[in-house]
PDB file of N, CA and C in Angstrom:
ATOM      1  N   MET A   1     102.086  97.340  94.100  1.00  0.00           N
ATOM      2  CA  MET A   1     102.973  96.888  95.093  1.00  0.00           C
ATOM      3  C   MET A   1     103.064  97.751  96.389  1.00  0.00           C
ATOM      4  N   SER A   2     102.984  96.955  97.581  1.00  0.00           N
ATOM      5  CA  SER A   2     103.095  97.853  98.862  1.00  0.00           C
ATOM      6  C   SER A   2     104.539  98.006  99.355  1.00  0.00           C
ATOM      7  N   HIS A   3     104.850  98.828 100.138  1.00  0.00           N
ATOM      8  CA  HIS A   3     106.191  99.055 100.545  1.00  0.00           C
ATOM      9  C   HIS A   3     106.565  97.940 101.533  1.00  0.00           C
ATOM     10  N   PRO A   4     106.013  97.013 102.293  1.00  0.00           N
ATOM     11  CA  PRO A   4     106.299  95.962 102.818  1.00  0.00           C
ATOM     12  C   PRO A   4     106.695  94.864 101.823  1.00  0.00           C
ATOM     13  N   ASP A   5     106.023  94.606 100.578  1.00  0.00           N
ATOM     14  CA  ASP A   5     106.306  93.897  99.559  1.00  0.00           C
ATOM     15  C   ASP A   5     107.599  94.147  99.009  1.00  0.00           C
ATOM     16  N   ILE A   6     107.743  95.456  98.910  1.00  0.00           N
ATOM     17  CA  ILE A   6     109.419  95.712  98.120  1.00  0.00           C
ATOM     18  C   ILE A   6     110.436  95.566  99.005  1.00  0.00           C
ATOM     19  N   ARG A   7     110.063  95.733 100.266  1.00  0.00           N
ATOM     20  CA  ARG A   7     110.951  95.806 101.227  1.00  0.00           C
ATOM     21  C   ARG A   7     111.376  94.093 101.358  1.00  0.00           C
ATOM     22  N   ALA A   8     110.406  93.255 101.346  1.00  0.00           N
ATOM     23  CA  ALA A   8     110.401  91.773 101.420  1.00  0.00           C
ATOM     24  C   ALA A   8     111.420  91.481 100.127  1.00  0.00           C
ATOM     25  N   LEU A   9     111.186  91.975  99.051  1.00  0.00           N
ATOM     26  CA  LEU A   9     111.888  91.606  97.817  1.00  0.00           C
ATOM     27  C   LEU A   9     113.269  91.952  97.980  1.00  0.00           C
ATOM     28  N   LEU A  10     113.597  93.102  98.509  1.00  0.00           N
ATOM     29  CA  LEU A  10     115.080  93.671  98.991  1.00  0.00           C
ATOM     30  C   LEU A  10     115.639  92.766  99.821  1.00  0.00           C
ATOM     31  N   GLU A  11     114.934  92.585 100.792  1.00  0.00           N
ATOM     32  CA  GLU A  11     115.539  91.861 101.879  1.00  0.00           C
ATOM     33  C   GLU A  11     116.128  90.207 101.237  1.00  0.00           C
ATOM     34  N   ALA A  12     115.197  89.756 100.704  1.00  0.00           N
ATOM     35  CA  ALA A  12     115.363  88.342  99.690  1.00  0.00           C
ATOM     36  C   ALA A  12     116.560  88.610  98.875  1.00  0.00           C
ATOM     37  N   ILE A  13     116.880  89.419  98.343  1.00  0.00           N
ATOM     38  CA  ILE A  13     118.287  89.630  97.594  1.00  0.00           C
ATOM     39  C   ILE A  13     119.521  89.682  98.500  1.00  0.00           C
ATOM     40  N   ARG A  14     119.225  90.512  99.408  1.00  0.00           N
ATOM     41  CA  ARG A  14     120.277  90.883 100.590  1.00  0.00           C
ATOM     42  C   ARG A  14     120.623  89.411 101.068  1.00  0.00           C
ATOM     43  N   GLN A  15     119.561  88.513 101.384  1.00  0.00           N
ATOM     44  CA  GLN A  15     120.004  87.208 102.065  1.00  0.00           C
ATOM     45  C   GLN A  15     120.195  85.951 100.926  1.00  0.00           C
ATOM     46  N   GLY A  16     120.365  86.666  99.802  1.00  0.00           N
ATOM     47  CA  GLY A  16     120.878  85.459  98.635  1.00  0.00           C
ATOM     48  C   GLY A  16     119.499  84.428  98.137  1.00  0.00           C
ATOM     49  N   GLN A  17     118.405  85.041  98.542  1.00  0.00           N
ATOM     50  CA  GLN A  17     117.311  84.036  98.280  1.00  0.00           C
ATOM     51  C   GLN A  17     116.737  84.367  96.945  1.00  0.00           C
ATOM     52  N   LEU A  18     116.929  85.482  96.284  1.00  0.00           N
ATOM     53  CA  LEU A  18     116.670  85.821  94.945  1.00  0.00           C
ATOM     54  C   LEU A  18     117.789  86.555  94.418  1.00  0.00           C
ATOM     55  N   SER A  19     117.765  86.336  93.117  1.00  0.00           N
ATOM     56  CA  SER A  19     118.809  87.186  92.264  1.00  0.00           C
ATOM     57  C   SER A  19     118.126  88.459  92.011  1.00  0.00           C
ATOM     58  N   VAL A  20     118.926  89.427  91.512  1.00  0.00           N
ATOM     59  CA  VAL A  20     118.635  90.742  91.150  1.00  0.00           C
ATOM     60  C   VAL A  20     117.641  90.664  89.798  1.00  0.00           C
ATOM     61  N   ASP A  21     117.933  89.515  89.033  1.00  0.00           N
ATOM     62  CA  ASP A  21     116.949  89.586  87.559  1.00  0.00           C
ATOM     63  C   ASP A  21     115.574  89.189  88.232  1.00  0.00           C
ATOM     64  N   GLU A  22     115.562  88.210  89.245  1.00  0.00           N
ATOM     65  CA  GLU A  22     114.189  87.684  89.744  1.00  0.00           C
ATOM     66  C   GLU A  22     113.516  88.822  90.598  1.00  0.00           C
ATOM     67  N   ASP A  23     114.339  89.777  91.106  1.00  0.00           N
ATOM     68  CA  ASP A  23     113.797  90.891  91.585  1.00  0.00           C
ATOM     69  C   ASP A  23     113.024  91.883  90.793  1.00  0.00           C
ATOM     70  N   VAL A  24     113.797  92.155  89.598  1.00  0.00           N
ATOM     71  CA  VAL A  24     113.066  93.039  88.411  1.00  0.00           C
ATOM     72  C   VAL A  24     112.012  92.539  88.030  1.00  0.00           C
ATOM     73  N   ALA A  25     112.155  91.186  87.616  1.00  0.00           N
ATOM     74  CA  ALA A  25     111.020  90.492  87.060  1.00  0.00           C
ATOM     75  C   ALA A  25     109.588  90.503  87.951  1.00  0.00           C
ATOM     76  N   ALA A  26     109.910  90.440  89.303  1.00  0.00           N
ATOM     77  CA  ALA A  26     108.947  90.754  90.391  1.00  0.00           C
ATOM     78  C   ALA A  26     108.248  92.471  90.320  1.00  0.00           C
ATOM     79  N   LEU A  27     109.275  93.066  90.079  1.00  0.00           N
ATOM     80  CA  LEU A  27     109.029  94.645  90.346  1.00  0.00           C
ATOM     81  C   LEU A  27     108.344  94.970  89.258  1.00  0.00           C
ATOM     82  N   LYS A  28     108.574  94.633  87.687  1.00  0.00           N
ATOM     83  CA  LYS A  28     108.194  94.870  86.529  1.00  0.00           C
ATOM     84  C   LYS A  28     106.522  95.256  86.658  1.00  0.00           C
ATOM     85  N   PRO A  29     105.645  94.763  87.228  1.00  0.00           N
ATOM     86  CA  PRO A  29     104.323  95.119  86.783  1.00  0.00           C
ATOM     87  C   PRO A  29     104.330  96.498  87.705  1.00  0.00           C
ATOM     88  N   ALA A  30     104.958  96.852  88.888  1.00  0.00           N
ATOM     89  CA  ALA A  30     104.797  97.962  89.582  1.00  0.00           C
ATOM     90  C   ALA A  30     105.421  98.941  88.847  1.00  0.00           C
ATOM     91  N   LEU A  31     106.332  98.780  88.089  1.00  0.00           N
ATOM     92  CA  LEU A  31     107.199  99.744  87.425  1.00  0.00           C
ATOM     93  C   LEU A  31     106.280 100.134  86.193  1.00  0.00           C
ATOM     94  N   LEU A  32     105.467  99.206  85.388  1.00  0.00           N
ATOM     95  CA  LEU A  32     104.935  99.362  84.370  1.00  0.00           C
ATOM     96  C   LEU A  32     103.351 100.372  84.814  1.00  0.00           C
ATOM     97  N   ASN A  33     103.040 100.224  86.089  1.00  0.00           N
ATOM     98  CA  ASN A  33     101.799 100.741  86.420  1.00  0.00           C
ATOM     99  C   ASN A  33     102.405 102.014  87.629  1.00  0.00           C
ATOM    100  N   PRO A  34     102.546 103.177  87.111  1.00  0.00           N
ATOM    101  CA  PRO A  34     103.062 103.970  88.099  1.00  0.00           C
ATOM    102  C   PRO A  34     102.207 104.391  89.109  1.00  0.00           C
ATOM    103  N   ILE A  35     100.851 104.288  88.863  1.00  0.00           N
ATOM    104  CA  ILE A  35      99.676 104.776  89.941  1.00  0.00           C
ATOM    105  C   ILE A  35      99.835 103.570  90.969  1.00  0.00           C
ATOM    106  N   ALA A  36     100.124 104.239  92.361  1.00  0.00           N
ATOM    107  CA  ALA A  36     100.374 103.717  93.582  1.00  0.00           C
ATOM    108  C   ALA A  36      99.197 103.470  94.078  1.00  0.00           C
ATOM    109  N   THR A  37      98.698 101.785  93.918  1.00  0.00           N
ATOM    110  CA  THR A  37      97.259 101.536  94.575  1.00  0.00           C
ATOM    111  C   THR A  37      97.621 100.181  95.331  1.00  0.00           C
ATOM    112  N   GLU A  38      96.636  99.979  96.274  1.00  0.00           N
ATOM    113  CA  GLU A  38      96.752  99.123  97.150  1.00  0.00           C
ATOM    114  C   GLU A  38      95.574  98.113  96.988  1.00  0.00           C
ATOM    115  N   ASP A  39      95.622  96.802  96.916  1.00  0.00           N
ATOM    116  CA  ASP A  39      94.337  95.990  96.934  1.00  0.00           C
ATOM    117  C   ASP A  39      94.014  95.581  98.470  1.00  0.00           C
ATOM    118  N   LEU A  40      92.831  96.157  98.875  1.00  0.00           N
ATOM    119  CA  LEU A  40      92.631  95.897  99.970  1.00  0.00           C
ATOM    120  C   LEU A  40      91.470  94.726 100.305  1.00  0.00           C
ATOM    121  N   GLY A  41      91.471  94.197  99.170  1.00  0.00           N
ATOM    122  CA  GLY A  41      90.371  92.860  99.032  1.00  0.00           C
ATOM    123  C   GLY A  41      88.853  93.208  98.897  1.00  0.00           C
ATOM    124  N   PHE A  42      88.368  94.419  99.241  1.00  0.00           N
ATOM    125  CA  PHE A  42      87.177  94.734  98.991  1.00  0.00           C
ATOM    126  C   PHE A  42      87.138  95.920  98.019  1.00  0.00           C
ATOM    127  N   ALA A  43      88.339  96.535  97.939  1.00  0.00           N
ATOM    128  CA  ALA A  43      88.359  97.881  96.970  1.00  0.00           C
ATOM    129  C   ALA A  43      90.052  98.003  96.896  1.00  0.00           C
ATOM    130  N   ARG A  44      90.290  98.787  95.737  1.00  0.00           N
ATOM    131  CA  ARG A  44      91.534  99.304  95.751  1.00  0.00           C
ATOM    132  C   ARG A  44      91.732 100.816  96.056  1.00  0.00           C
ATOM    133  N   LEU A  45      92.671 100.940  96.816  1.00  0.00           N
ATOM    134  CA  LEU A  45      92.959 102.268  97.342  1.00  0.00           C
ATOM    135  C   LEU A  45      93.984 102.889  96.611  1.00  0.00           C
ATOM    136  N   ASP A  46      93.920 104.150  96.043  1.00  0.00           N
ATOM    137  CA  ASP A  46      94.761 104.835  95.191  1.00  0.00           C
ATOM    138  C   ASP A  46      95.509 105.922  96.020  1.00  0.00           C
ATOM    139  N   HIS A  47      96.709 105.910  96.274  1.00  0.00           N
ATOM    140  CA  HIS A  47      97.402 106.740  97.311  1.00  0.00           C
ATOM    141  C   HIS A  47      97.968 107.960  96.515  1.00  0.00           C
ATOM    142  N   GLN A  48      97.778 108.179  95.319  1.00  0.00           N
ATOM    143  CA  GLN A  48      98.088 109.151  94.335  1.00  0.00           C
ATOM    144  C   GLN A  48      97.266 110.254  94.761  1.00  0.00           C
ATOM    145  N   ARG A  49      95.775 110.474  95.096  1.00  0.00           N
ATOM    146  CA  ARG A  49      94.876 111.274  95.352  1.00  0.00           C
ATOM    147  C   ARG A  49      94.502 111.787  96.463  1.00  0.00           C
TER     148      ARG A  49
END
């Protein structure tokens, strides 16, 4: 999950569009996969290396 994605989720909570539980559910895959990668469409970019 990219920084803009996380920011959008947090902004949605702030504006009342999402509940905290919905946000946690959306973040769960990113929390379970601690390796920071970004899908560029043609490749996955690994930000940890």
